[in-house]
Amino acid sequence: MVRLTDSDGVSGLGEAAPTGPITGDTSASIRYAIENVIGPKLKGLSLANPEQLKTTIEAP
């Protein structure tokens, strides 16, 4: 489970399953992606606009 909280105190939950044999994802690779790839993209955005979050996360 992943919990994000924005600067207004709004929280959201998500999940990221480490299914190594299927996707190659491990707990460590998911944590790295959240902390170093996805997290920095989301910094400063509001959780109140999930479509913007999705678009931002999917952008290269």
PDB file of N, CA and C in Angstrom:
ATOM      1  N   MET A   1       0.846  -1.184   0.000  1.00  0.00           N
ATOM      2  CA  MET A   1       0.000   0.000   0.000  1.00  0.00           C
ATOM      3  C   MET A   1       0.884   1.236   0.000  1.00  0.00           C
ATOM      4  N   VAL A   2       0.386   2.230  -0.714  1.00  0.00           N
ATOM      5  CA  VAL A   2       1.079   3.506  -0.801  1.00  0.00           C
ATOM      6  C   VAL A   2       0.105   4.591  -0.390  1.00  0.00           C
ATOM      7  N   ARG A   3       0.550   5.471   0.491  1.00  0.00           N
ATOM      8  CA  ARG A   3      -0.285   6.604   0.912  1.00  0.00           C
ATOM      9  C   ARG A   3       0.434   7.885   0.519  1.00  0.00           C
ATOM     10  N   LEU A   4      -0.267   8.759  -0.187  1.00  0.00           N
ATOM     11  CA  LEU A   4       0.247  10.078  -0.522  1.00  0.00           C
ATOM     12  C   LEU A   4      -0.552  11.103   0.259  1.00  0.00           C
ATOM     13  N   THR A   5       0.135  12.113   0.759  1.00  0.00           N
ATOM     14  CA  THR A   5      -0.531  13.201   1.462  1.00  0.00           C
ATOM     15  C   THR A   5      -0.011  14.506   0.889  1.00  0.00           C
ATOM     16  N   ASP A   6      -0.938  15.366   0.462  1.00  0.00           N
ATOM     17  CA  ASP A   6      -0.491  16.641  -0.107  1.00  0.00           C
ATOM     18  C   ASP A   6      -0.327  17.690   0.981  1.00  0.00           C
ATOM     19  N   SER A   7       0.121  18.867   0.595  1.00  0.00           N
ATOM     20  CA  SER A   7       0.411  19.919   1.572  1.00  0.00           C
ATOM     21  C   SER A   7      -0.836  20.438   2.272  1.00  0.00           C
ATOM     22  N   ASP A   8      -2.027  20.144   1.723  1.00  0.00           N
ATOM     23  CA  ASP A   8      -3.282  20.536   2.368  1.00  0.00           C
ATOM     24  C   ASP A   8      -3.773  19.465   3.332  1.00  0.00           C
ATOM     25  N   GLY A   9      -3.046  18.356   3.434  1.00  0.00           N
ATOM     26  CA  GLY A   9      -3.436  17.279   4.330  1.00  0.00           C
ATOM     27  C   GLY A   9      -4.362  16.260   3.688  1.00  0.00           C
ATOM     28  N   VAL A  10      -4.635  16.400   2.382  1.00  0.00           N
ATOM     29  CA  VAL A  10      -5.480  15.442   1.676  1.00  0.00           C
ATOM     30  C   VAL A  10      -4.657  14.195   1.391  1.00  0.00           C
ATOM     31  N   SER A  11      -5.212  13.018   1.738  1.00  0.00           N
ATOM     32  CA  SER A  11      -4.498  11.754   1.542  1.00  0.00           C
ATOM     33  C   SER A  11      -5.184  10.895   0.498  1.00  0.00           C
ATOM     34  N   GLY A  12      -4.388  10.075  -0.141  1.00  0.00           N
ATOM     35  CA  GLY A  12      -4.909   9.106  -1.093  1.00  0.00           C
ATOM     36  C   GLY A  12      -4.148   7.807  -0.944  1.00  0.00           C
ATOM     37  N   LEU A  13      -4.817   6.687  -1.210  1.00  0.00           N
ATOM     38  CA  LEU A  13      -4.194   5.372  -1.106  1.00  0.00           C
ATOM     39  C   LEU A  13      -4.076   4.733  -2.472  1.00  0.00           C
ATOM     40  N   GLY A  14      -3.062   3.924  -2.626  1.00  0.00           N
ATOM     41  CA  GLY A  14      -2.872   3.172  -3.853  1.00  0.00           C
ATOM     42  C   GLY A  14      -2.147   1.884  -3.518  1.00  0.00           C
ATOM     43  N   GLU A  15      -1.879   1.110  -4.535  1.00  0.00           N
ATOM     44  CA  GLU A  15      -1.144  -0.125  -4.295  1.00  0.00           C
ATOM     45  C   GLU A  15      -0.167  -0.370  -5.423  1.00  0.00           C
ATOM     46  N   ALA A  16       0.880  -1.071  -5.083  1.00  0.00           N
ATOM     47  CA  ALA A  16       1.892  -1.454  -6.060  1.00  0.00           C
ATOM     48  C   ALA A  16       2.385  -2.834  -5.644  1.00  0.00           C
ATOM     49  N   ALA A  17       1.967  -3.832  -6.360  1.00  0.00           N
ATOM     50  CA  ALA A  17       2.295  -5.216  -5.990  1.00  0.00           C
ATOM     51  C   ALA A  17       3.623  -5.643  -6.606  1.00  0.00           C
ATOM     52  N   PRO A  18       4.545  -6.128  -5.777  1.00  0.00           N
ATOM     53  CA  PRO A  18       5.817  -6.624  -6.293  1.00  0.00           C
ATOM     54  C   PRO A  18       5.661  -8.040  -6.851  1.00  0.00           C
ATOM     55  N   THR A  19       5.360  -8.131  -8.115  1.00  0.00           N
ATOM     56  CA  THR A  19       5.151  -9.435  -8.760  1.00  0.00           C
ATOM     57  C   THR A  19       6.346  -9.749  -9.653  1.00  0.00           C
ATOM     58  N   GLY A  20       7.487  -9.963  -9.017  1.00  0.00           N
ATOM     59  CA  GLY A  20       8.746 -10.179  -9.707  1.00  0.00           C
ATOM     60  C   GLY A  20       8.710 -11.149 -10.871  1.00  0.00           C
ATOM     61  N   PRO A  21       8.157 -12.360 -10.683  1.00  0.00           N
ATOM     62  CA  PRO A  21       8.161 -13.322 -11.792  1.00  0.00           C
ATOM     63  C   PRO A  21       7.334 -12.869 -13.003  1.00  0.00           C
ATOM     64  N   ILE A  22       6.362 -11.999 -12.787  1.00  0.00           N
ATOM     65  CA  ILE A  22       5.492 -11.561 -13.875  1.00  0.00           C
ATOM     66  C   ILE A  22       5.972 -10.244 -14.484  1.00  0.00           C
ATOM     67  N   THR A  23       6.219  -9.248 -13.645  1.00  0.00           N
ATOM     68  CA  THR A  23       6.556  -7.910 -14.137  1.00  0.00           C
ATOM     69  C   THR A  23       8.015  -7.525 -13.922  1.00  0.00           C
ATOM     70  N   GLY A  24       8.704  -8.267 -13.082  1.00  0.00           N
ATOM     71  CA  GLY A  24      10.075  -7.913 -12.737  1.00  0.00           C
ATOM     72  C   GLY A  24      10.156  -6.936 -11.583  1.00  0.00           C
ATOM     73  N   ASP A  25       9.005  -6.469 -11.094  1.00  0.00           N
ATOM     74  CA  ASP A  25       8.988  -5.514  -9.991  1.00  0.00           C
ATOM     75  C   ASP A  25       9.269  -6.207  -8.666  1.00  0.00           C
ATOM     76  N   THR A  26      10.088  -5.565  -7.845  1.00  0.00           N
ATOM     77  CA  THR A  26      10.350  -6.023  -6.488  1.00  0.00           C
ATOM     78  C   THR A  26       9.937  -4.911  -5.538  1.00  0.00           C
ATOM     79  N   SER A  27       9.872  -5.198  -4.265  1.00  0.00           N
ATOM     80  CA  SER A  27       9.566  -4.146  -3.284  1.00  0.00           C
ATOM     81  C   SER A  27      10.584  -3.022  -3.391  1.00  0.00           C
ATOM     82  N   ALA A  28      11.853  -3.381  -3.582  1.00  0.00           N
ATOM     83  CA  ALA A  28      12.911  -2.365  -3.677  1.00  0.00           C
ATOM     84  C   ALA A  28      12.755  -1.510  -4.932  1.00  0.00           C
ATOM     85  N   SER A  29      12.417  -2.122  -6.076  1.00  0.00           N
ATOM     86  CA  SER A  29      12.284  -1.336  -7.308  1.00  0.00           C
ATOM     87  C   SER A  29      11.055  -0.425  -7.254  1.00  0.00           C
ATOM     88  N   ILE A  30       9.996  -0.902  -6.620  1.00  0.00           N
ATOM     89  CA  ILE A  30       8.797  -0.068  -6.472  1.00  0.00           C
ATOM     90  C   ILE A  30       9.093   1.116  -5.564  1.00  0.00           C
ATOM     91  N   ARG A  31       9.761   0.858  -4.451  1.00  0.00           N
ATOM     92  CA  ARG A  31      10.117   1.938  -3.525  1.00  0.00           C
ATOM     93  C   ARG A  31      11.000   2.971  -4.230  1.00  0.00           C
ATOM     94  N   TYR A  32      11.983   2.491  -5.001  1.00  0.00           N
ATOM     95  CA  TYR A  32      12.865   3.396  -5.740  1.00  0.00           C
ATOM     96  C   TYR A  32      12.047   4.263  -6.703  1.00  0.00           C
ATOM     97  N   ALA A  33      11.143   3.636  -7.453  1.00  0.00           N
ATOM     98  CA  ALA A  33      10.331   4.381  -8.423  1.00  0.00           C
ATOM     99  C   ALA A  33       9.479   5.441  -7.746  1.00  0.00           C
ATOM    100  N   ILE A  34       8.901   5.095  -6.618  1.00  0.00           N
ATOM    101  CA  ILE A  34       8.053   6.056  -5.900  1.00  0.00           C
ATOM    102  C   ILE A  34       8.889   7.220  -5.381  1.00  0.00           C
ATOM    103  N   GLU A  35      10.028   6.905  -4.756  1.00  0.00           N
ATOM    104  CA  GLU A  35      10.831   7.942  -4.120  1.00  0.00           C
ATOM    105  C   GLU A  35      11.649   8.779  -5.102  1.00  0.00           C
ATOM    106  N   ASN A  36      12.063   8.190  -6.231  1.00  0.00           N
ATOM    107  CA  ASN A  36      13.012   8.877  -7.107  1.00  0.00           C
ATOM    108  C   ASN A  36      12.483   9.232  -8.493  1.00  0.00           C
ATOM    109  N   VAL A  37      11.388   8.618  -8.916  1.00  0.00           N
ATOM    110  CA  VAL A  37      10.854   8.886 -10.253  1.00  0.00           C
ATOM    111  C   VAL A  37       9.467   9.525 -10.156  1.00  0.00           C
ATOM    112  N   ILE A  38       8.537   8.833  -9.525  1.00  0.00           N
ATOM    113  CA  ILE A  38       7.155   9.314  -9.455  1.00  0.00           C
ATOM    114  C   ILE A  38       6.994  10.442  -8.439  1.00  0.00           C
ATOM    115  N   GLY A  39       7.533  10.260  -7.247  1.00  0.00           N
ATOM    116  CA  GLY A  39       7.389  11.252  -6.183  1.00  0.00           C
ATOM    117  C   GLY A  39       7.805  12.652  -6.596  1.00  0.00           C
ATOM    118  N   PRO A  40       9.003  12.808  -7.169  1.00  0.00           N
ATOM    119  CA  PRO A  40       9.415  14.153  -7.574  1.00  0.00           C
ATOM    120  C   PRO A  40       8.492  14.788  -8.620  1.00  0.00           C
ATOM    121  N   LYS A  41       7.892  13.988  -9.482  1.00  0.00           N
ATOM    122  CA  LYS A  41       6.948  14.522 -10.474  1.00  0.00           C
ATOM    123  C   LYS A  41       5.691  15.067  -9.808  1.00  0.00           C
ATOM    124  N   LEU A  42       5.288  14.454  -8.699  1.00  0.00           N
ATOM    125  CA  LEU A  42       4.040  14.836  -8.043  1.00  0.00           C
ATOM    126  C   LEU A  42       4.202  15.969  -7.048  1.00  0.00           C
ATOM    127  N   LYS A  43       5.424  16.271  -6.669  1.00  0.00           N
ATOM    128  CA  LYS A  43       5.659  17.305  -5.666  1.00  0.00           C
ATOM    129  C   LYS A  43       5.037  18.620  -6.113  1.00  0.00           C
ATOM    130  N   GLY A  44       4.219  19.188  -5.250  1.00  0.00           N
ATOM    131  CA  GLY A  44       3.569  20.455  -5.531  1.00  0.00           C
ATOM    132  C   GLY A  44       2.194  20.331  -6.162  1.00  0.00           C
ATOM    133  N   LEU A  45       1.795  19.110  -6.555  1.00  0.00           N
ATOM    134  CA  LEU A  45       0.474  18.922  -7.152  1.00  0.00           C
ATOM    135  C   LEU A  45      -0.554  18.578  -6.076  1.00  0.00           C
ATOM    136  N   SER A  46      -1.801  18.867  -6.359  1.00  0.00           N
ATOM    137  CA  SER A  46      -2.886  18.562  -5.434  1.00  0.00           C
ATOM    138  C   SER A  46      -3.466  17.183  -5.738  1.00  0.00           C
ATOM    139  N   LEU A  47      -3.789  16.450  -4.682  1.00  0.00           N
ATOM    140  CA  LEU A  47      -4.447  15.159  -4.850  1.00  0.00           C
ATOM    141  C   LEU A  47      -5.905  15.322  -5.260  1.00  0.00           C
ATOM    142  N   ALA A  48      -6.404  16.548  -5.247  1.00  0.00           N
ATOM    143  CA  ALA A  48      -7.796  16.801  -5.604  1.00  0.00           C
ATOM    144  C   ALA A  48      -8.043  16.673  -7.104  1.00  0.00           C
ATOM    145  N   ASN A  49      -6.977  16.559  -7.904  1.00  0.00           N
ATOM    146  CA  ASN A  49      -7.125  16.457  -9.356  1.00  0.00           C
ATOM    147  C   ASN A  49      -6.465  15.160  -9.830  1.00  0.00           C
ATOM    148  N   PRO A  50      -7.134  14.013  -9.652  1.00  0.00           N
ATOM    149  CA  PRO A  50      -6.514  12.730  -9.985  1.00  0.00           C
ATOM    150  C   PRO A  50      -6.161  12.577 -11.460  1.00  0.00           C
ATOM    151  N   GLU A  51      -6.903  13.206 -12.357  1.00  0.00           N
ATOM    152  CA  GLU A  51      -6.572  13.093 -13.780  1.00  0.00           C
ATOM    153  C   GLU A  51      -5.232  13.771 -14.074  1.00  0.00           C
ATOM    154  N   GLN A  52      -4.985  14.902 -13.457  1.00  0.00           N
ATOM    155  CA  GLN A  52      -3.700  15.571 -13.631  1.00  0.00           C
ATOM    156  C   GLN A  52      -2.577  14.711 -13.068  1.00  0.00           C
ATOM    157  N   LEU A  53      -2.804  14.082 -11.936  1.00  0.00           N
ATOM    158  CA  LEU A  53      -1.791  13.195 -11.336  1.00  0.00           C
ATOM    159  C   LEU A  53      -1.469  12.041 -12.278  1.00  0.00           C
ATOM    160  N   LYS A  54      -2.494  11.434 -12.833  1.00  0.00           N
ATOM    161  CA  LYS A  54      -2.313  10.299 -13.741  1.00  0.00           C
ATOM    162  C   LYS A  54      -1.515  10.725 -14.971  1.00  0.00           C
ATOM    163  N   THR A  55      -1.888  11.850 -15.560  1.00  0.00           N
ATOM    164  CA  THR A  55      -1.190  12.362 -16.738  1.00  0.00           C
ATOM    165  C   THR A  55       0.266  12.654 -16.413  1.00  0.00           C
ATOM    166  N   THR A  56       0.513  13.242 -15.263  1.00  0.00           N
ATOM    167  CA  THR A  56       1.875  13.586 -14.842  1.00  0.00           C
ATOM    168  C   THR A  56       2.710  12.337 -14.628  1.00  0.00           C
ATOM    169  N   ILE A  57       2.140  11.329 -13.973  1.00  0.00           N
ATOM    170  CA  ILE A  57       2.874  10.096 -13.698  1.00  0.00           C
ATOM    171  C   ILE A  57       3.221   9.382 -15.011  1.00  0.00           C
ATOM    172  N   GLU A  58       2.316   9.396 -15.968  1.00  0.00           N
ATOM    173  CA  GLU A  58       2.521   8.672 -17.226  1.00  0.00           C
ATOM    174  C   GLU A  58       3.416   9.410 -18.214  1.00  0.00           C
ATOM    175  N   ALA A  59       3.684  10.703 -17.970  1.00  0.00           N
ATOM    176  CA  ALA A  59       4.540  11.469 -18.877  1.00  0.00           C
ATOM    177  C   ALA A  59       5.984  10.991 -18.767  1.00  0.00           C
ATOM    178  N   PRO A  60       6.697  10.981 -19.894  1.00  0.00           N
ATOM    179  CA  PRO A  60       8.108  10.545 -19.852  1.00  0.00           C
ATOM    180  C   PRO A  60       8.996  11.484 -19.068  1.00  0.00           C
TER     181      PRO A  60
END
